[in-house]
Amino acid sequence: MTEQPAGDPAADSRHARYGTLPERIRFEDMTEGTATGPGGAANASYNPESAWNFYSCLAVDLGL
């Protein structure tokens, strides 16, 4: 695309203010990989005996 002289002063001021778009960022530069332990962190803290503490029930809250 070649630039053509625009007679619109608003377009000239927009181009002077914003110019061009910033350069693209590669996906590899936006992500970061980390190593986890076996089983992951989510399973390591699971306790089946106290799992009911995380659920809300109105009947239990009212003591019924």
PDB file of N, CA and C in Angstrom:
ATOM      1  N   MET A   1       0.836  -1.168   0.000  1.00  0.00           N
ATOM      2  CA  MET A   1       0.000   0.000   0.000  1.00  0.00           C
ATOM      3  C   MET A   1       0.889   1.240   0.000  1.00  0.00           C
ATOM      4  N   THR A   2       0.607   2.127  -0.879  1.00  0.00           N
ATOM      5  CA  THR A   2       1.362   3.371  -0.914  1.00  0.00           C
ATOM      6  C   THR A   2       0.547   4.460  -0.249  1.00  0.00           C
ATOM      7  N   GLU A   3       1.247   5.324   0.412  1.00  0.00           N
ATOM      8  CA  GLU A   3       0.547   6.414   1.082  1.00  0.00           C
ATOM      9  C   GLU A   3       0.223   7.499   0.068  1.00  0.00           C
ATOM     10  N   GLN A   4      -1.007   7.940   0.119  1.00  0.00           N
ATOM     11  CA  GLN A   4      -1.433   9.019  -0.748  1.00  0.00           C
ATOM     12  C   GLN A   4      -1.708  10.228   0.127  1.00  0.00           C
ATOM     13  N   PRO A   5      -1.404  11.405  -0.365  1.00  0.00           N
ATOM     14  CA  PRO A   5      -1.662  12.592   0.451  1.00  0.00           C
ATOM     15  C   PRO A   5      -3.151  12.755   0.699  1.00  0.00           C
ATOM     16  N   ALA A   6      -3.517  12.837   1.950  1.00  0.00           N
ATOM     17  CA  ALA A   6      -4.919  12.993   2.321  1.00  0.00           C
ATOM     18  C   ALA A   6      -5.191  14.462   2.568  1.00  0.00           C
ATOM     19  N   GLY A   7      -6.309  14.921   2.076  1.00  0.00           N
ATOM     20  CA  GLY A   7      -6.657  16.318   2.255  1.00  0.00           C
ATOM     21  C   GLY A   7      -7.424  16.547   3.542  1.00  0.00           C
ATOM     22  N   ASP A   8      -7.685  15.467   4.296  1.00  0.00           N
ATOM     23  CA  ASP A   8      -8.476  15.578   5.518  1.00  0.00           C
ATOM     24  C   ASP A   8      -7.564  15.943   6.688  1.00  0.00           C
ATOM     25  N   PRO A   9      -7.789  17.090   7.327  1.00  0.00           N
ATOM     26  CA  PRO A   9      -6.915  17.449   8.457  1.00  0.00           C
ATOM     27  C   PRO A   9      -7.086  16.514   9.658  1.00  0.00           C
ATOM     28  N   ALA A  10      -8.283  15.944   9.841  1.00  0.00           N
ATOM     29  CA  ALA A  10      -8.493  15.010  10.949  1.00  0.00           C
ATOM     30  C   ALA A  10      -7.673  13.739  10.737  1.00  0.00           C
ATOM     31  N   ALA A  11      -7.619  13.267   9.509  1.00  0.00           N
ATOM     32  CA  ALA A  11      -6.828  12.076   9.215  1.00  0.00           C
ATOM     33  C   ALA A  11      -5.351  12.355   9.400  1.00  0.00           C
ATOM     34  N   ASP A  12      -4.906  13.538   9.029  1.00  0.00           N
ATOM     35  CA  ASP A  12      -3.498  13.899   9.227  1.00  0.00           C
ATOM     36  C   ASP A  12      -3.143  13.959  10.704  1.00  0.00           C
ATOM     37  N   SER A  13      -4.030  14.502  11.515  1.00  0.00           N
ATOM     38  CA  SER A  13      -3.740  14.596  12.948  1.00  0.00           C
ATOM     39  C   SER A  13      -3.754  13.212  13.601  1.00  0.00           C
ATOM     40  N   ARG A  14      -4.665  12.320  13.161  1.00  0.00           N
ATOM     41  CA  ARG A  14      -4.682  10.952  13.694  1.00  0.00           C
ATOM     42  C   ARG A  14      -3.392  10.227  13.337  1.00  0.00           C
ATOM     43  N   HIS A  15      -2.939  10.389  12.107  1.00  0.00           N
ATOM     44  CA  HIS A  15      -1.717   9.716  11.693  1.00  0.00           C
ATOM     45  C   HIS A  15      -0.507  10.281  12.445  1.00  0.00           C
ATOM     46  N   ALA A  16      -0.513  11.567  12.705  1.00  0.00           N
ATOM     47  CA  ALA A  16       0.600  12.166  13.446  1.00  0.00           C
ATOM     48  C   ALA A  16       0.603  11.700  14.899  1.00  0.00           C
ATOM     49  N   ARG A  17      -0.581  11.497  15.459  1.00  0.00           N
ATOM     50  CA  ARG A  17      -0.665  11.098  16.869  1.00  0.00           C
ATOM     51  C   ARG A  17      -0.390   9.611  17.060  1.00  0.00           C
ATOM     52  N   TYR A  18      -1.018   8.768  16.229  1.00  0.00           N
ATOM     53  CA  TYR A  18      -0.922   7.325  16.437  1.00  0.00           C
ATOM     54  C   TYR A  18       0.111   6.660  15.533  1.00  0.00           C
ATOM     55  N   GLY A  19       0.392   7.224  14.396  1.00  0.00           N
ATOM     56  CA  GLY A  19       1.408   6.652  13.505  1.00  0.00           C
ATOM     57  C   GLY A  19       1.039   5.266  13.036  1.00  0.00           C
ATOM     58  N   THR A  20       1.819   4.265  13.431  1.00  0.00           N
ATOM     59  CA  THR A  20       1.580   2.892  13.011  1.00  0.00           C
ATOM     60  C   THR A  20       1.291   2.020  14.227  1.00  0.00           C
ATOM     61  N   LEU A  21       0.825   0.831  13.941  1.00  0.00           N
ATOM     62  CA  LEU A  21       0.544  -0.116  15.015  1.00  0.00           C
ATOM     63  C   LEU A  21       1.856  -0.624  15.608  1.00  0.00           C
ATOM     64  N   PRO A  22       1.845  -1.026  16.881  1.00  0.00           N
ATOM     65  CA  PRO A  22       3.068  -1.595  17.464  1.00  0.00           C
ATOM     66  C   PRO A  22       3.392  -2.935  16.813  1.00  0.00           C
ATOM     67  N   GLU A  23       4.635  -3.352  16.953  1.00  0.00           N
ATOM     68  CA  GLU A  23       5.039  -4.615  16.356  1.00  0.00           C
ATOM     69  C   GLU A  23       4.373  -5.777  17.073  1.00  0.00           C
ATOM     70  N   ARG A  24       4.156  -6.851  16.315  1.00  0.00           N
ATOM     71  CA  ARG A  24       3.508  -8.034  16.850  1.00  0.00           C
ATOM     72  C   ARG A  24       4.392  -8.738  17.863  1.00  0.00           C
ATOM     73  N   ILE A  25       3.766  -9.297  18.900  1.00  0.00           N
ATOM     74  CA  ILE A  25       4.482 -10.084  19.897  1.00  0.00           C
ATOM     75  C   ILE A  25       4.225 -11.555  19.590  1.00  0.00           C
ATOM     76  N   ARG A  26       5.284 -12.333  19.504  1.00  0.00           N
ATOM     77  CA  ARG A  26       5.136 -13.752  19.207  1.00  0.00           C
ATOM     78  C   ARG A  26       4.497 -14.469  20.390  1.00  0.00           C
ATOM     79  N   PHE A  27       3.775 -15.567  20.090  1.00  0.00           N
ATOM     80  CA  PHE A  27       3.122 -16.345  21.135  1.00  0.00           C
ATOM     81  C   PHE A  27       4.145 -16.929  22.099  1.00  0.00           C
ATOM     82  N   GLU A  28       5.288 -17.330  21.595  1.00  0.00           N
ATOM     83  CA  GLU A  28       6.330 -17.911  22.442  1.00  0.00           C
ATOM     84  C   GLU A  28       6.840 -16.904  23.459  1.00  0.00           C
ATOM     85  N   ASP A  29       6.793 -15.619  23.131  1.00  0.00           N
ATOM     86  CA  ASP A  29       7.250 -14.590  24.058  1.00  0.00           C
ATOM     87  C   ASP A  29       6.208 -14.271  25.126  1.00  0.00           C
ATOM     88  N   MET A  30       4.961 -14.682  24.907  1.00  0.00           N
ATOM     89  CA  MET A  30       3.895 -14.366  25.860  1.00  0.00           C
ATOM     90  C   MET A  30       3.647 -15.481  26.869  1.00  0.00           C
ATOM     91  N   THR A  31       4.188 -16.661  26.642  1.00  0.00           N
ATOM     92  CA  THR A  31       3.928 -17.796  27.522  1.00  0.00           C
ATOM     93  C   THR A  31       5.184 -18.197  28.273  1.00  0.00           C
ATOM     94  N   GLU A  32       4.972 -18.860  29.392  1.00  0.00           N
ATOM     95  CA  GLU A  32       6.091 -19.332  30.199  1.00  0.00           C
ATOM     96  C   GLU A  32       5.753 -20.724  30.714  1.00  0.00           C
ATOM     97  N   GLY A  33       6.664 -21.630  30.569  1.00  0.00           N
ATOM     98  CA  GLY A  33       6.445 -22.992  31.027  1.00  0.00           C
ATOM     99  C   GLY A  33       7.153 -23.240  32.351  1.00  0.00           C
ATOM    100  N   THR A  34       6.477 -23.938  33.258  1.00  0.00           N
ATOM    101  CA  THR A  34       7.093 -24.299  34.533  1.00  0.00           C
ATOM    102  C   THR A  34       6.871 -25.788  34.778  1.00  0.00           C
ATOM    103  N   ALA A  35       7.805 -26.405  35.448  1.00  0.00           N
ATOM    104  CA  ALA A  35       7.700 -27.822  35.769  1.00  0.00           C
ATOM    105  C   ALA A  35       6.906 -27.996  37.062  1.00  0.00           C
ATOM    106  N   THR A  36       6.106 -29.047  37.115  1.00  0.00           N
ATOM    107  CA  THR A  36       5.338 -29.355  38.322  1.00  0.00           C
ATOM    108  C   THR A  36       5.747 -30.721  38.840  1.00  0.00           C
ATOM    109  N   GLY A  37       5.388 -30.971  40.060  1.00  0.00           N
ATOM    110  CA  GLY A  37       5.699 -32.260  40.663  1.00  0.00           C
ATOM    111  C   GLY A  37       4.736 -33.325  40.181  1.00  0.00           C
ATOM    112  N   PRO A  38       4.985 -34.580  40.517  1.00  0.00           N
ATOM    113  CA  PRO A  38       4.086 -35.649  40.102  1.00  0.00           C
ATOM    114  C   PRO A  38       2.717 -35.489  40.748  1.00  0.00           C
ATOM    115  N   GLY A  39       1.677 -35.652  39.954  1.00  0.00           N
ATOM    116  CA  GLY A  39       0.317 -35.547  40.472  1.00  0.00           C
ATOM    117  C   GLY A  39      -0.210 -34.130  40.439  1.00  0.00           C
ATOM    118  N   GLY A  40       0.607 -33.136  40.256  1.00  0.00           N
ATOM    119  CA  GLY A  40       0.150 -31.751  40.199  1.00  0.00           C
ATOM    120  C   GLY A  40      -0.128 -31.196  41.576  1.00  0.00           C
ATOM    121  N   ALA A  41      -0.276 -29.915  41.674  1.00  0.00           N
ATOM    122  CA  ALA A  41      -0.508 -29.259  42.960  1.00  0.00           C
ATOM    123  C   ALA A  41      -1.951 -29.396  43.429  1.00  0.00           C
ATOM    124  N   ALA A  42      -2.887 -29.572  42.510  1.00  0.00           N
ATOM    125  CA  ALA A  42      -4.300 -29.643  42.890  1.00  0.00           C
ATOM    126  C   ALA A  42      -4.600 -30.919  43.680  1.00  0.00           C
ATOM    127  N   ASN A  43      -4.005 -32.020  43.296  1.00  0.00           N
ATOM    128  CA  ASN A  43      -4.280 -33.286  43.969  1.00  0.00           C
ATOM    129  C   ASN A  43      -3.519 -33.426  45.281  1.00  0.00           C
ATOM    130  N   ALA A  44      -2.455 -32.698  45.455  1.00  0.00           N
ATOM    131  CA  ALA A  44      -1.625 -32.854  46.639  1.00  0.00           C
ATOM    132  C   ALA A  44      -2.327 -32.356  47.894  1.00  0.00           C
ATOM    133  N   SER A  45      -3.220 -31.376  47.779  1.00  0.00           N
ATOM    134  CA  SER A  45      -3.857 -30.817  48.967  1.00  0.00           C
ATOM    135  C   SER A  45      -5.276 -31.341  49.177  1.00  0.00           C
ATOM    136  N   TYR A  46      -5.708 -32.332  48.440  1.00  0.00           N
ATOM    137  CA  TYR A  46      -7.064 -32.854  48.579  1.00  0.00           C
ATOM    138  C   TYR A  46      -7.170 -33.772  49.780  1.00  0.00           C
ATOM    139  N   ASN A  47      -8.148 -33.490  50.638  1.00  0.00           N
ATOM    140  CA  ASN A  47      -8.408 -34.313  51.804  1.00  0.00           C
ATOM    141  C   ASN A  47      -9.876 -34.726  51.744  1.00  0.00           C
ATOM    142  N   PRO A  48     -10.189 -35.992  51.457  1.00  0.00           N
ATOM    143  CA  PRO A  48     -11.588 -36.394  51.280  1.00  0.00           C
ATOM    144  C   PRO A  48     -12.428 -36.279  52.548  1.00  0.00           C
ATOM    145  N   GLU A  49     -11.800 -36.344  53.723  1.00  0.00           N
ATOM    146  CA  GLU A  49     -12.577 -36.258  54.961  1.00  0.00           C
ATOM    147  C   GLU A  49     -13.077 -34.843  55.237  1.00  0.00           C
ATOM    148  N   SER A  50     -12.365 -33.838  54.760  1.00  0.00           N
ATOM    149  CA  SER A  50     -12.811 -32.471  54.996  1.00  0.00           C
ATOM    150  C   SER A  50     -13.321 -31.806  53.718  1.00  0.00           C
ATOM    151  N   ALA A  51     -13.630 -32.591  52.694  1.00  0.00           N
ATOM    152  CA  ALA A  51     -14.103 -32.024  51.433  1.00  0.00           C
ATOM    153  C   ALA A  51     -15.475 -31.381  51.591  1.00  0.00           C
ATOM    154  N   TRP A  52     -16.267 -31.835  52.544  1.00  0.00           N
ATOM    155  CA  TRP A  52     -17.609 -31.271  52.723  1.00  0.00           C
ATOM    156  C   TRP A  52     -17.550 -29.831  53.225  1.00  0.00           C
ATOM    157  N   ASN A  53     -16.442 -29.371  53.767  1.00  0.00           N
ATOM    158  CA  ASN A  53     -16.324 -27.996  54.248  1.00  0.00           C
ATOM    159  C   ASN A  53     -16.405 -26.965  53.125  1.00  0.00           C
ATOM    160  N   PHE A  54     -16.166 -27.379  51.900  1.00  0.00           N
ATOM    161  CA  PHE A  54     -16.130 -26.442  50.785  1.00  0.00           C
ATOM    162  C   PHE A  54     -17.480 -26.263  50.117  1.00  0.00           C
ATOM    163  N   TYR A  55     -18.477 -27.011  50.530  1.00  0.00           N
ATOM    164  CA  TYR A  55     -19.791 -26.907  49.920  1.00  0.00           C
ATOM    165  C   TYR A  55     -20.736 -26.181  50.870  1.00  0.00           C
ATOM    166  N   SER A  56     -21.642 -25.399  50.291  1.00  0.00           N
ATOM    167  CA  SER A  56     -22.598 -24.654  51.083  1.00  0.00           C
ATOM    168  C   SER A  56     -23.975 -25.274  50.929  1.00  0.00           C
ATOM    169  N   CYS A  57     -24.667 -25.443  52.039  1.00  0.00           N
ATOM    170  CA  CYS A  57     -26.009 -25.992  52.014  1.00  0.00           C
ATOM    171  C   CYS A  57     -26.833 -25.189  53.012  1.00  0.00           C
ATOM    172  N   LEU A  58     -27.956 -24.657  52.558  1.00  0.00           N
ATOM    173  CA  LEU A  58     -28.777 -23.824  53.428  1.00  0.00           C
ATOM    174  C   LEU A  58     -29.306 -24.600  54.640  1.00  0.00           C
ATOM    175  N   ALA A  59     -29.693 -25.861  54.443  1.00  0.00           N
ATOM    176  CA  ALA A  59     -30.199 -26.662  55.550  1.00  0.00           C
ATOM    177  C   ALA A  59     -29.126 -26.875  56.607  1.00  0.00           C
ATOM    178  N   VAL A  60     -27.894 -27.105  56.201  1.00  0.00           N
ATOM    179  CA  VAL A  60     -26.815 -27.294  57.153  1.00  0.00           C
ATOM    180  C   VAL A  60     -26.502 -25.987  57.846  1.00  0.00           C
ATOM    181  N   ASP A  61     -26.528 -24.880  57.108  1.00  0.00           N
ATOM    182  CA  ASP A  61     -26.263 -23.570  57.701  1.00  0.00           C
ATOM    183  C   ASP A  61     -27.292 -23.217  58.764  1.00  0.00           C
ATOM    184  N   LEU A  62     -28.538 -23.599  58.552  1.00  0.00           N
ATOM    185  CA  LEU A  62     -29.598 -23.304  59.531  1.00  0.00           C
ATOM    186  C   LEU A  62     -29.667 -24.346  60.651  1.00  0.00           C
ATOM    187  N   GLY A  63     -28.904 -25.403  60.547  1.00  0.00           N
ATOM    188  CA  GLY A  63     -28.887 -26.428  61.584  1.00  0.00           C
ATOM    189  C   GLY A  63     -30.073 -27.359  61.507  1.00  0.00           C
ATOM    190  N   LEU A  64     -30.629 -27.544  60.339  1.00  0.00           N
ATOM    191  CA  LEU A  64     -31.799 -28.436  60.176  1.00  0.00           C
ATOM    192  C   LEU A  64     -31.380 -29.847  59.909  1.00  0.00           C
TER     193      LEU A  64
END
